Protein backbone atom coordinates (compact mmCIF):
# COMPACT_ATOMS: atom_id res chain seq x y z
CA MET A 1 -22.33 -34.97 -16.71
CA SER A 2 -20.87 -32.23 -18.92
CA LEU A 3 -20.40 -31.73 -22.31
CA ASP A 4 -16.95 -31.24 -24.16
CA THR A 5 -16.75 -28.29 -26.51
CA PRO A 6 -13.13 -27.44 -28.23
CA PRO A 7 -12.12 -24.17 -28.05
CA GLU A 8 -12.79 -21.81 -30.66
CA VAL A 9 -10.01 -20.51 -32.83
CA THR A 10 -9.62 -17.31 -34.34
CA PRO A 11 -8.75 -16.97 -38.65
CA HIS A 12 -5.39 -15.75 -37.77
CA GLU A 13 -4.55 -19.07 -35.98
CA VAL A 14 -5.13 -20.84 -39.63
CA THR A 15 -1.92 -21.23 -41.85
CA ARG A 16 -2.00 -21.91 -45.06
CA HIS A 17 -1.64 -25.44 -46.40
CA GLU A 18 1.75 -26.01 -48.59
CA VAL A 19 -0.33 -27.61 -51.43
CA THR A 20 -2.52 -25.06 -53.78
CA PRO A 21 -4.25 -26.93 -56.48
CA PRO A 22 -3.86 -24.84 -59.88
CA GLU A 23 -6.88 -23.55 -61.44
CA VAL A 24 -8.51 -25.89 -63.63
CA THR A 25 -9.84 -23.64 -66.89
CA PRO A 26 -12.68 -24.53 -69.21
CA HIS A 27 -9.87 -24.94 -72.17
CA GLU A 28 -8.46 -27.91 -70.25
CA VAL A 29 -11.67 -29.82 -70.57
CA THR A 30 -10.86 -33.39 -72.20
CA ASP A 31 -12.76 -32.36 -75.44
CA PRO A 32 -12.23 -28.29 -75.41
CA THR A 33 -14.55 -27.83 -78.49
CA ALA A 34 -17.21 -29.69 -77.06
CA ALA A 35 -17.62 -27.72 -73.93
CA SER A 36 -20.55 -25.67 -74.02
CA PRO A 37 -24.35 -24.92 -72.41
CA GLU A 38 -25.62 -27.50 -75.11
CA LEU A 39 -23.51 -30.37 -74.30
CA LEU A 40 -24.43 -30.18 -70.83
CA ASP A 41 -28.04 -30.19 -71.71
CA GLN A 42 -27.82 -33.01 -73.92
CA LEU A 43 -26.07 -34.83 -71.30
CA LEU A 44 -28.36 -34.41 -68.74
CA ALA A 45 -31.60 -35.01 -71.18
CA ARG A 46 -30.20 -38.11 -72.04
CA GLN A 47 -29.32 -39.26 -68.30
CA GLU A 48 -33.02 -37.89 -67.21
CA ARG A 49 -34.05 -40.75 -70.28
CA ARG A 50 -31.78 -43.48 -69.40
CA GLU A 51 -31.32 -43.50 -65.56
CA SER A 52 -33.69 -44.83 -63.05
CA ALA A 53 -36.24 -42.70 -60.89
CA ALA A 54 -34.00 -43.04 -57.77
CA ARG A 55 -31.14 -40.59 -59.06
CA THR A 56 -30.33 -38.19 -56.46
CA TYR A 57 -27.43 -35.80 -56.70
CA ALA A 58 -28.09 -35.25 -60.27
CA ARG A 59 -31.31 -33.94 -59.80
CA THR A 60 -30.61 -30.94 -57.41
CA LEU A 61 -27.17 -30.59 -58.96
CA PRO A 62 -27.62 -30.16 -62.64
CA VAL A 63 -23.50 -30.69 -63.39
CA ALA A 64 -21.99 -32.98 -65.74
CA PRO A 65 -18.37 -33.03 -64.49
CA VAL A 66 -15.48 -33.53 -67.00
CA ARG A 67 -12.36 -32.38 -64.92
CA ALA A 68 -11.50 -31.83 -61.70
CA LEU A 69 -8.57 -30.97 -59.59
CA GLY A 70 -8.43 -30.53 -55.48
CA ALA A 71 -11.56 -28.77 -54.49
CA GLN A 72 -12.36 -27.44 -58.60
CA VAL A 73 -14.44 -29.15 -60.64
CA VAL A 74 -15.26 -28.35 -64.49
CA GLY A 75 -18.48 -28.84 -65.98
CA ALA A 76 -19.41 -29.71 -69.33
CA ASP A 77 -20.70 -26.23 -70.19
CA GLY A 78 -17.36 -25.01 -69.46
CA ARG A 79 -18.16 -23.63 -65.97
CA THR A 80 -15.48 -24.16 -63.23
CA TYR A 81 -17.17 -25.13 -59.76
CA LEU A 82 -16.09 -25.16 -56.17
CA ASP A 83 -16.92 -28.65 -54.44
CA CYS A 84 -18.25 -28.72 -51.00
CA LEU A 85 -19.94 -32.28 -51.71
CA SER A 86 -16.50 -34.30 -52.21
CA GLY A 87 -18.39 -37.21 -53.38
CA ALA A 88 -20.42 -36.93 -50.09
CA GLY A 89 -17.25 -36.91 -48.22
CA THR A 90 -15.22 -39.12 -49.99
CA LEU A 91 -12.61 -37.26 -51.48
CA ALA A 92 -10.39 -36.46 -48.52
CA LEU A 93 -7.33 -35.45 -50.76
CA GLY A 94 -10.11 -33.77 -53.05
CA HIS A 95 -10.09 -34.66 -56.98
CA ASN A 96 -7.02 -36.10 -59.04
CA HIS A 97 -4.30 -35.86 -56.00
CA PRO A 98 -1.14 -36.22 -57.69
CA GLU A 99 0.07 -38.67 -55.52
CA VAL A 100 -3.09 -40.90 -55.57
CA VAL A 101 -2.77 -40.80 -59.43
CA ALA A 102 0.45 -41.37 -59.55
CA ALA A 103 0.44 -44.70 -57.37
CA ILE A 104 -2.49 -45.69 -59.41
CA ARG A 105 -0.79 -45.06 -62.46
CA ALA A 106 2.16 -46.91 -61.43
CA ASP A 107 -0.13 -50.13 -60.98
CA LEU A 108 -1.61 -49.96 -64.28
CA ASP A 109 1.67 -50.20 -65.39
CA SER A 110 3.38 -52.52 -63.87
CA GLY A 111 0.17 -55.19 -65.02
CA VAL A 112 -0.86 -56.24 -61.34
CA PRO A 113 -4.20 -58.19 -61.07
CA LEU A 114 -7.01 -55.16 -60.77
CA HIS A 115 -9.56 -57.82 -59.41
CA ALA A 116 -8.54 -60.67 -56.99
CA LEU A 117 -11.52 -61.79 -54.81
CA ASP A 118 -10.15 -61.67 -51.33
CA MET A 119 -6.88 -62.92 -51.87
CA ILE A 120 -3.89 -61.41 -50.56
CA THR A 121 -1.89 -58.99 -53.26
CA PRO A 122 1.21 -56.66 -52.06
CA GLN A 123 -0.85 -53.87 -52.47
CA LYS A 124 -3.93 -55.33 -50.14
CA ASP A 125 -0.85 -56.05 -47.77
CA ALA A 126 0.41 -52.62 -47.66
CA PHE A 127 -3.15 -50.98 -47.22
CA SER A 128 -3.97 -53.34 -44.46
CA GLU A 129 -0.62 -52.03 -42.52
CA GLU A 130 -1.11 -48.70 -43.50
CA LEU A 131 -4.86 -48.76 -42.02
CA LEU A 132 -3.83 -51.07 -38.72
CA THR A 133 -1.43 -48.01 -37.81
CA ARG A 134 -4.09 -45.47 -38.27
CA LEU A 135 -7.08 -47.15 -36.08
CA PRO A 136 -7.82 -45.58 -32.80
CA GLY A 137 -6.97 -46.86 -29.40
CA SER A 138 -6.52 -50.44 -29.04
CA LEU A 139 -7.85 -51.38 -32.34
CA ARG A 140 -4.61 -50.31 -33.47
CA GLY A 141 -1.91 -52.69 -34.94
CA GLU A 142 -4.19 -55.65 -33.27
CA ALA A 143 -7.80 -55.39 -34.99
CA ARG A 144 -8.67 -58.02 -37.35
CA LEU A 145 -10.29 -56.49 -40.91
CA HIS A 146 -12.88 -57.88 -43.04
CA PHE A 147 -13.24 -56.47 -46.56
CA CYS A 148 -16.85 -56.26 -47.67
CA GLY A 149 -18.58 -55.00 -50.36
CA PRO A 150 -17.26 -51.69 -52.02
CA ALA A 151 -19.86 -49.66 -50.23
CA GLY A 152 -20.72 -48.36 -46.58
CA THR A 153 -24.26 -49.90 -46.35
CA ASP A 154 -22.81 -53.35 -46.95
CA ALA A 155 -20.07 -53.08 -44.53
CA VAL A 156 -22.86 -51.73 -41.87
CA GLU A 157 -24.71 -55.14 -42.59
CA ALA A 158 -21.39 -56.81 -42.32
CA ALA A 159 -21.23 -55.37 -38.66
CA ILE A 160 -24.51 -56.08 -37.78
CA LYS A 161 -24.00 -59.66 -38.74
CA LEU A 162 -20.72 -60.09 -37.11
CA ALA A 163 -22.13 -58.74 -33.62
CA GLN A 164 -25.17 -61.33 -33.99
CA ALA A 165 -22.57 -64.13 -34.83
CA ALA A 166 -20.39 -63.06 -31.59
CA THR A 167 -23.24 -62.54 -29.23
CA GLY A 168 -26.16 -64.79 -30.38
CA ARG A 169 -28.38 -62.33 -30.12
CA ARG A 170 -30.21 -60.85 -32.95
CA GLY A 171 -31.35 -57.12 -31.71
CA VAL A 172 -29.76 -53.85 -32.12
CA VAL A 173 -29.96 -50.34 -30.62
CA ALA A 174 -29.97 -47.55 -33.17
CA PHE A 175 -30.63 -43.87 -32.75
CA SER A 176 -32.92 -41.18 -34.42
CA GLY A 177 -31.79 -39.61 -37.02
CA ALA A 178 -29.13 -42.07 -38.23
CA TYR A 179 -28.56 -43.00 -41.76
CA HIS A 180 -26.32 -45.88 -41.90
CA GLY A 181 -26.84 -46.81 -46.01
CA MET A 182 -29.60 -47.95 -48.01
CA THR A 183 -29.77 -51.84 -47.78
CA VAL A 184 -32.16 -53.96 -46.06
CA GLY A 185 -30.34 -53.85 -42.43
CA ALA A 186 -28.72 -50.62 -42.84
CA SER A 187 -32.36 -49.34 -43.77
CA ALA A 188 -33.48 -50.86 -40.78
CA VAL A 189 -30.85 -49.12 -38.24
CA SER A 190 -32.00 -46.04 -40.08
CA GLY A 191 -33.81 -43.20 -38.82
CA PRO A 192 -35.86 -41.59 -41.95
CA ALA A 193 -39.45 -43.47 -42.22
CA ARG A 194 -38.82 -44.09 -46.14
CA MET A 195 -35.84 -46.17 -45.06
CA ARG A 196 -37.28 -47.97 -42.24
CA SER A 197 -40.33 -48.85 -44.84
CA THR A 198 -37.97 -50.76 -46.84
CA VAL A 199 -39.67 -54.64 -47.78
CA GLY A 200 -37.44 -56.88 -44.80
CA ALA A 201 -36.25 -53.90 -43.24
CA ASP A 202 -39.01 -54.79 -40.19
CA ALA A 203 -37.40 -58.34 -39.43
CA LEU A 204 -34.30 -57.03 -37.97
CA PRO A 205 -35.60 -56.16 -34.06
CA VAL A 206 -34.32 -52.33 -33.62
CA THR A 207 -35.07 -50.41 -30.19
CA ARG A 208 -34.67 -46.50 -30.97
CA ILE A 209 -33.00 -43.81 -28.83
CA PRO A 210 -33.00 -40.25 -29.18
CA PHE A 211 -29.64 -38.82 -30.76
CA PRO A 212 -28.70 -35.50 -28.71
CA TYR A 213 -29.72 -33.22 -31.09
CA ALA A 214 -29.10 -30.20 -29.33
CA TYR A 215 -30.83 -27.50 -31.63
CA ARG A 216 -33.86 -29.55 -31.67
CA CYS A 217 -33.62 -31.15 -28.30
CA PRO A 218 -35.93 -34.48 -28.30
CA PHE A 219 -36.21 -34.09 -24.63
CA GLY A 220 -37.16 -30.35 -24.85
CA VAL A 221 -34.32 -28.95 -22.44
CA GLY A 222 -31.22 -28.37 -25.19
CA ALA A 223 -27.65 -29.01 -24.33
CA PRO A 224 -25.95 -30.09 -22.58
CA GLN A 225 -28.85 -32.11 -20.51
CA SER A 226 -29.74 -33.75 -24.13
CA GLY A 227 -26.78 -35.87 -24.39
CA GLU A 228 -27.20 -36.65 -20.34
CA LEU A 229 -30.71 -37.94 -21.31
CA SER A 230 -29.69 -40.08 -24.14
CA ALA A 231 -27.44 -42.06 -22.08
CA ARG A 232 -29.60 -42.57 -19.25
CA LEU A 233 -32.47 -43.96 -21.40
CA LEU A 234 -30.33 -45.87 -22.87
CA GLU A 235 -28.88 -47.72 -20.02
CA ASN A 236 -32.47 -47.77 -18.64
CA PHE A 237 -33.83 -49.59 -21.49
CA LEU A 238 -31.00 -52.31 -21.09
CA THR A 239 -31.62 -52.50 -17.68
CA ASP A 240 -34.99 -52.83 -17.16
CA PRO A 241 -36.49 -56.18 -17.87
CA SER A 242 -40.02 -54.74 -18.87
CA SER A 243 -38.83 -51.92 -21.23
CA GLY A 244 -39.30 -54.16 -24.18
CA ALA A 245 -36.20 -53.39 -25.63
CA GLY A 246 -34.32 -57.03 -24.71
CA GLU A 247 -30.73 -57.68 -24.55
CA PRO A 248 -29.42 -56.65 -27.94
CA ALA A 249 -26.59 -57.95 -29.74
CA ALA A 250 -25.07 -54.03 -30.65
CA VAL A 251 -25.45 -50.85 -30.68
CA ILE A 252 -24.64 -48.36 -34.06
CA LEU A 253 -24.17 -45.20 -34.19
CA GLU A 254 -22.34 -42.05 -35.64
CA VAL A 255 -20.38 -40.04 -33.81
CA VAL A 256 -21.49 -37.30 -36.13
CA GLN A 257 -24.84 -37.66 -37.93
CA GLY A 258 -24.02 -36.67 -41.60
CA GLU A 259 -26.94 -37.36 -43.53
CA GLY A 260 -29.27 -36.39 -40.77
CA GLY A 261 -27.93 -32.95 -40.52
CA VAL A 262 -24.25 -32.61 -39.22
CA ILE A 263 -25.40 -33.26 -35.52
CA GLU A 264 -22.74 -33.99 -33.01
CA GLY A 265 -23.02 -36.14 -30.10
CA PRO A 266 -21.34 -34.89 -27.18
CA ASP A 267 -18.03 -36.42 -25.84
CA SER A 268 -19.16 -37.17 -22.61
CA TRP A 269 -22.69 -38.86 -24.30
CA LEU A 270 -20.03 -41.03 -26.38
CA ARG A 271 -18.09 -42.15 -23.34
CA GLU A 272 -21.29 -43.04 -21.41
CA VAL A 273 -22.39 -45.23 -24.28
CA ARG A 274 -19.16 -46.97 -24.27
CA ARG A 275 -19.12 -47.52 -20.65
CA ILE A 276 -22.95 -49.17 -20.96
CA THR A 277 -22.30 -51.36 -23.75
CA GLU A 278 -19.06 -52.77 -22.15
CA GLU A 279 -20.36 -53.40 -18.72
CA ARG A 280 -23.20 -55.32 -20.54
CA GLY A 281 -21.11 -56.78 -23.10
CA ILE A 282 -22.79 -55.55 -25.88
CA VAL A 283 -21.06 -54.80 -29.47
CA LEU A 284 -20.60 -50.98 -29.87
CA ILE A 285 -20.42 -50.30 -33.82
CA VAL A 286 -19.22 -46.70 -34.57
CA ASP A 287 -20.12 -45.95 -38.43
CA GLU A 288 -17.32 -43.97 -39.77
CA VAL A 289 -18.04 -44.28 -43.38
CA GLN A 290 -18.38 -40.16 -43.47
CA THR A 291 -16.50 -39.25 -40.47
CA GLY A 292 -13.56 -41.13 -40.72
CA VAL A 293 -9.96 -40.30 -42.38
CA GLY A 294 -9.49 -36.65 -40.79
CA ARG A 295 -12.88 -35.03 -41.70
CA THR A 296 -13.80 -33.93 -38.40
CA GLY A 297 -10.30 -32.93 -37.36
CA HIS A 298 -9.23 -35.89 -35.86
CA PHE A 299 -8.35 -39.36 -37.93
CA TRP A 300 -11.47 -40.96 -36.39
CA ALA A 301 -14.49 -38.94 -35.07
CA CYS A 302 -14.42 -41.41 -32.08
CA GLU A 303 -11.24 -39.88 -30.81
CA ARG A 304 -11.78 -37.00 -29.33
CA ALA A 305 -14.17 -38.67 -26.82
CA GLY A 306 -11.26 -40.80 -26.05
CA VAL A 307 -13.77 -43.73 -27.17
CA THR A 308 -12.32 -46.90 -28.75
CA PRO A 309 -15.30 -49.03 -30.46
CA ASP A 310 -15.73 -52.59 -30.85
CA VAL A 311 -16.38 -52.30 -34.24
CA LEU A 312 -15.33 -49.37 -36.55
CA VAL A 313 -17.07 -48.93 -39.95
CA ALA A 314 -15.26 -47.31 -42.61
CA SER A 315 -15.83 -46.82 -46.22
CA LYS A 316 -15.74 -43.59 -48.87
CA ALA A 317 -12.49 -41.54 -48.00
CA VAL A 318 -10.59 -44.90 -47.06
CA GLY A 319 -10.56 -45.98 -50.43
CA GLY A 320 -8.86 -42.53 -51.73
CA GLY A 321 -11.67 -41.78 -54.35
CA LEU A 322 -12.38 -45.44 -55.36
CA PRO A 323 -14.90 -48.06 -53.96
CA LEU A 324 -13.46 -49.55 -50.88
CA ALA A 325 -15.15 -50.82 -47.58
CA VAL A 326 -14.04 -52.00 -44.29
CA LEU A 327 -14.50 -53.21 -40.65
CA ALA A 328 -11.93 -52.98 -38.06
CA TYR A 329 -12.91 -55.08 -35.25
CA ARG A 330 -11.66 -57.05 -32.04
CA PRO A 331 -10.04 -60.03 -32.59
CA GLU A 332 -12.45 -61.84 -30.22
CA LEU A 333 -15.58 -61.08 -32.29
CA ASP A 334 -14.09 -62.87 -35.06
CA GLN A 335 -17.03 -65.50 -34.76
CA TRP A 336 -17.50 -66.13 -38.35
CA LEU A 337 -17.40 -69.39 -40.71
CA PRO A 338 -15.79 -68.77 -44.09
CA GLY A 339 -18.54 -67.40 -46.38
CA ASP A 340 -20.62 -65.79 -43.34
CA HIS A 341 -20.23 -62.40 -44.93
CA THR A 342 -18.73 -62.26 -48.90
CA GLY A 343 -18.84 -60.38 -52.05
CA THR A 344 -17.42 -60.51 -55.53
CA PHE A 345 -15.52 -56.92 -55.48
CA ARG A 346 -13.86 -56.92 -52.15
CA GLY A 347 -10.34 -57.32 -53.84
CA ASN A 348 -10.22 -53.77 -55.87
CA THR A 349 -6.71 -52.95 -56.06
CA LEU A 350 -6.56 -49.55 -57.12
CA ALA A 351 -8.93 -48.90 -54.57
CA MET A 352 -5.89 -50.72 -52.06
CA THR A 353 -3.37 -48.50 -53.37
CA ALA A 354 -5.66 -45.07 -53.64
CA GLY A 355 -6.25 -45.82 -49.89
CA ARG A 356 -2.93 -46.55 -48.83
CA VAL A 357 -1.78 -43.07 -50.36
CA THR A 358 -4.36 -41.58 -48.56
CA LEU A 359 -4.08 -42.64 -45.31
CA ARG A 360 -0.73 -41.92 -45.10
CA THR A 361 -1.29 -38.79 -46.95
CA VAL A 362 -3.64 -37.18 -44.33
CA ALA A 363 -1.53 -38.63 -41.45
CA GLU A 364 1.95 -37.08 -42.59
CA GLU A 365 0.27 -33.82 -43.82
CA GLN A 366 -1.48 -33.50 -40.54
CA LEU A 367 -4.98 -32.81 -42.57
CA PRO A 368 -6.82 -33.96 -39.55
CA GLU A 369 -5.32 -30.93 -37.62
CA ARG A 370 -5.68 -28.32 -40.69
CA ALA A 371 -9.58 -29.78 -41.00
CA ALA A 372 -10.02 -28.82 -37.29
CA LYS A 373 -8.61 -25.22 -37.46
CA LEU A 374 -10.09 -24.61 -40.97
CA GLY A 375 -13.49 -25.84 -39.50
CA GLU A 376 -13.71 -23.32 -36.61
CA ARG A 377 -12.63 -20.49 -39.02
CA LEU A 378 -15.82 -21.62 -41.30
CA ARG A 379 -18.16 -21.93 -38.39
CA LEU A 380 -16.95 -18.54 -36.94
CA SER A 381 -17.60 -16.52 -40.25
CA LEU A 382 -21.22 -18.68 -40.75
CA ARG A 383 -22.22 -17.35 -37.21
CA GLN A 384 -21.30 -14.04 -38.37
CA LEU A 385 -23.79 -14.36 -41.11
CA ALA A 386 -26.15 -15.75 -38.81
CA ASP A 387 -26.06 -12.64 -36.69
CA ASP A 388 -27.07 -10.48 -39.55
CA ASN A 389 -29.72 -13.24 -40.73
CA ALA A 390 -32.28 -14.72 -38.89
CA ARG A 391 -32.82 -17.65 -41.63
CA LEU A 392 -29.68 -19.09 -40.27
CA GLY A 393 -30.92 -21.11 -37.18
CA ASP A 394 -28.33 -22.80 -36.22
CA VAL A 395 -24.52 -23.19 -37.34
CA ARG A 396 -22.75 -26.56 -36.24
CA GLY A 397 -20.09 -29.28 -37.16
CA ARG A 398 -16.73 -30.76 -36.37
CA GLY A 399 -13.70 -30.26 -38.84
CA LEU A 400 -14.83 -29.91 -42.27
CA MET A 401 -18.07 -31.36 -41.68
CA ASN A 402 -20.30 -28.64 -41.00
CA GLY A 403 -23.94 -27.64 -41.28
CA VAL A 404 -26.10 -24.66 -41.46
CA GLU A 405 -29.80 -25.22 -40.33
CA LEU A 406 -32.10 -22.81 -42.55
CA VAL A 407 -35.62 -21.90 -40.25
CA ASP A 408 -38.29 -19.61 -40.83
CA PRO A 409 -37.46 -16.65 -39.16
CA ASP A 410 -41.42 -15.30 -38.87
CA ALA A 411 -42.50 -18.61 -36.97
CA ALA A 412 -42.71 -18.60 -33.52
CA PRO A 413 -39.90 -20.71 -31.72
CA ASP A 414 -40.36 -23.51 -29.30
CA ARG A 415 -39.51 -23.73 -25.49
CA ILE A 416 -35.83 -23.57 -26.41
CA GLY A 417 -35.64 -21.28 -28.96
CA SER A 418 -35.41 -23.60 -31.97
CA ARG A 419 -37.91 -21.99 -34.89
CA PRO A 420 -39.50 -24.50 -37.74
CA ALA A 421 -37.42 -25.81 -40.47
CA ASP A 422 -37.46 -23.97 -43.96
CA PRO A 423 -36.98 -26.50 -46.45
CA VAL A 424 -38.25 -24.49 -49.11
CA PHE A 425 -35.73 -21.59 -48.52
CA ALA A 426 -32.95 -24.20 -48.20
CA ARG A 427 -33.97 -25.55 -51.48
CA ARG A 428 -33.89 -21.78 -52.90
CA LEU A 429 -30.39 -21.04 -51.25
CA ARG A 430 -28.74 -24.47 -52.58
CA ALA A 431 -29.86 -23.39 -55.95
CA ALA A 432 -28.13 -19.97 -55.87
CA CYS A 433 -25.40 -21.56 -54.57
CA LEU A 434 -24.81 -23.63 -57.42
CA ARG A 435 -25.50 -20.77 -59.73
CA GLN A 436 -22.70 -18.94 -57.92
CA GLY A 437 -20.57 -21.68 -58.50
CA LEU A 438 -20.68 -23.73 -55.73
CA MET A 439 -21.43 -27.61 -55.12
CA LEU A 440 -23.10 -28.14 -51.91
CA GLU A 441 -26.10 -30.23 -50.84
CA LEU A 442 -28.90 -30.47 -48.16
CA GLY A 443 -29.54 -32.99 -45.21
CA GLY A 444 -31.51 -33.27 -42.04
CA ARG A 445 -34.97 -32.95 -41.14
CA SER A 446 -37.16 -31.73 -43.89
CA ASP A 447 -33.51 -31.57 -45.97
CA SER A 448 -33.37 -28.04 -44.32
CA VAL A 449 -29.60 -28.17 -43.40
CA LEU A 450 -26.99 -26.89 -46.04
CA ARG A 451 -23.97 -29.21 -45.85
CA LEU A 452 -20.79 -28.23 -46.28
CA LEU A 453 -17.65 -31.05 -46.81
CA PRO A 454 -14.85 -29.48 -48.79
CA PRO A 455 -11.82 -31.61 -49.17
CA LEU A 456 -9.18 -31.74 -46.53
CA VAL A 457 -6.60 -29.96 -49.05
CA VAL A 458 -9.19 -26.96 -49.72
CA THR A 459 -7.06 -23.73 -49.51
CA ASP A 460 -7.56 -20.98 -47.62
CA THR A 461 -8.56 -18.73 -50.33
CA GLU A 462 -10.58 -21.17 -51.81
CA LEU A 463 -12.32 -21.16 -48.29
CA ASP A 464 -12.96 -17.53 -48.36
CA SER A 465 -14.51 -17.94 -51.86
CA VAL A 466 -16.89 -20.40 -50.01
CA LEU A 467 -18.01 -18.08 -47.48
CA GLU A 468 -18.19 -15.23 -50.26
CA ARG A 469 -20.33 -17.16 -52.33
CA ILE A 470 -22.43 -18.45 -49.55
CA ALA A 471 -23.26 -14.81 -48.65
CA ALA A 472 -23.94 -13.70 -52.25
CA ALA A 473 -26.39 -16.86 -52.44
CA LEU A 474 -28.12 -15.86 -49.48
CA ARG A 475 -28.74 -12.24 -51.13
CA ASP A 476 -30.07 -14.00 -54.09
CA ALA A 477 -32.27 -16.36 -52.41
CA GLU A 478 -33.81 -13.63 -50.14
CA ARG A 479 -34.92 -11.25 -53.27
CA ALA A 480 -36.57 -14.48 -54.69
CA ALA A 481 -38.22 -15.35 -51.51
C-alpha cells in the first residue's frame, strides 16, 4: 500500500487573489477615542473577574477585538493583527466578508424570523440546496440533513446516536490524538486524557486505534508504513473474535487532525478504512468540522482520497462565521423517530444565510484550489526556516491548515529520527508571534505544534507578512531561551 503525496508547487505558481481587503487602521475602531492600552487592560481585567476558569484563547491571546476585515483584526489597544486563527477555522472568508454582511443585513431589514426552531424557511431551504450541491460523492444531492445544536460537538453526538439507531449497536472505534468536541459523547471518542475523564464518558464503549502520525509513528516505523499498519490493526480488531473490540456501530475520524496537531491521514489509509467499514456494515463518520469548506485544498478533506463517508459532520465554516452545525448522511440511515435528537437553536436564519453565501463563494471563487497553492507555498517557506533551525522538527499540513512541531534540538532523537516536543519554547514562540502582531495558537501533543489557519481569502502580501513575522518571532524567542 503506498501513500499519496500531492506534488509540491513553487511560489511563482501562486496567483494573487482578486479580493484584497483594505487595511483596517486604529482610527476606524467603533469608538476612536477609546482605543488604548488602558482600555485593553480594563477589558481583560473585567473578563478575568467575570468569566469562568475554563476560558482558553483569552488566556494565551490577550487581545480584545473591536473591528476586523478579512485577515486583519484591530484590538481595543489600537494594534492591528494578522489573524491566523480564523475562529479556529470558522472564518473561511475571513472577518466581515462584504457579501456575507450584505446578505445578513438584507435578512435583518426584511423582517424574516431570526429563529424558527426546525421549521422550514426560505433561508433554510436555500442553504440546504447549496449544501447538497457541494457534498462529496454519492451524498451530493441525495443526503439527508439533520440540523443540530449550533456547535460541532453536538453534531458529533448526533452522528454517534444516528449510527447506533441505524445499526442497533453501541460501540465506536476512534483514533488516538482525535478531538471531536467537549460534550460527553464527543469527549469519549477524543484522545486527550482530560477529555476522556469527563464524567459519563466511559459509558460509551470506545475502541481506540493509533492514528497514522508519521513524525511520531505509534508503530515506530514512520511513513508510509504507519497508515498501512493502522488500517491493518483496525481490520484485525474487527475480524478477531477475541480482540475484545466487538462489532461497533461506527468508526469516527478526522482526515486531518486539527487540535491533535495538524496530522494528516494518508489517502491510502482512508481508502482502507472505507473498505473495511463498508464490507462490515459499520457506519463511517468523517468529522469535517474544521477541515470542511475548502480548508485543506478540497471542498471536503475526504475528497482527495475519493472517499465518501456514510455520515459527514460539518460546523465552523459551514455557518459563514455564525453558529451552525449539520449532519449529511445516507438516506437509509435515517432510522430516527421524531425528537430522537433535538435542540432549540437549530433554526438560526442568519447562519443559514451566511452559510449559503459562504459555500457559494468558496466554490465559485475556487478558494479550495487557491488554498492548496498557498499552503504549498507556506510549507515550502517554513521548511526553509526549518533547514536553518533545528527547533522546527516537522512542517506539515494540507491547504491552509498547517502545523510546525517544535522540538528540543539538543535531545537525542528516537529510532525514526524524531526529537522530543518542546512545549516551553512553543509557548515562548506563540507569545513572540503575538508581539509581532500575529494571532495563532498551539495544538498537538504537549501543545507543541504551532498551528496556522488563516482565512482562505488571505492575500499573497499578507501571507508574506505572516512568514516574515514568524521568522522575526523565532529570533525573538531564541534570544529569550
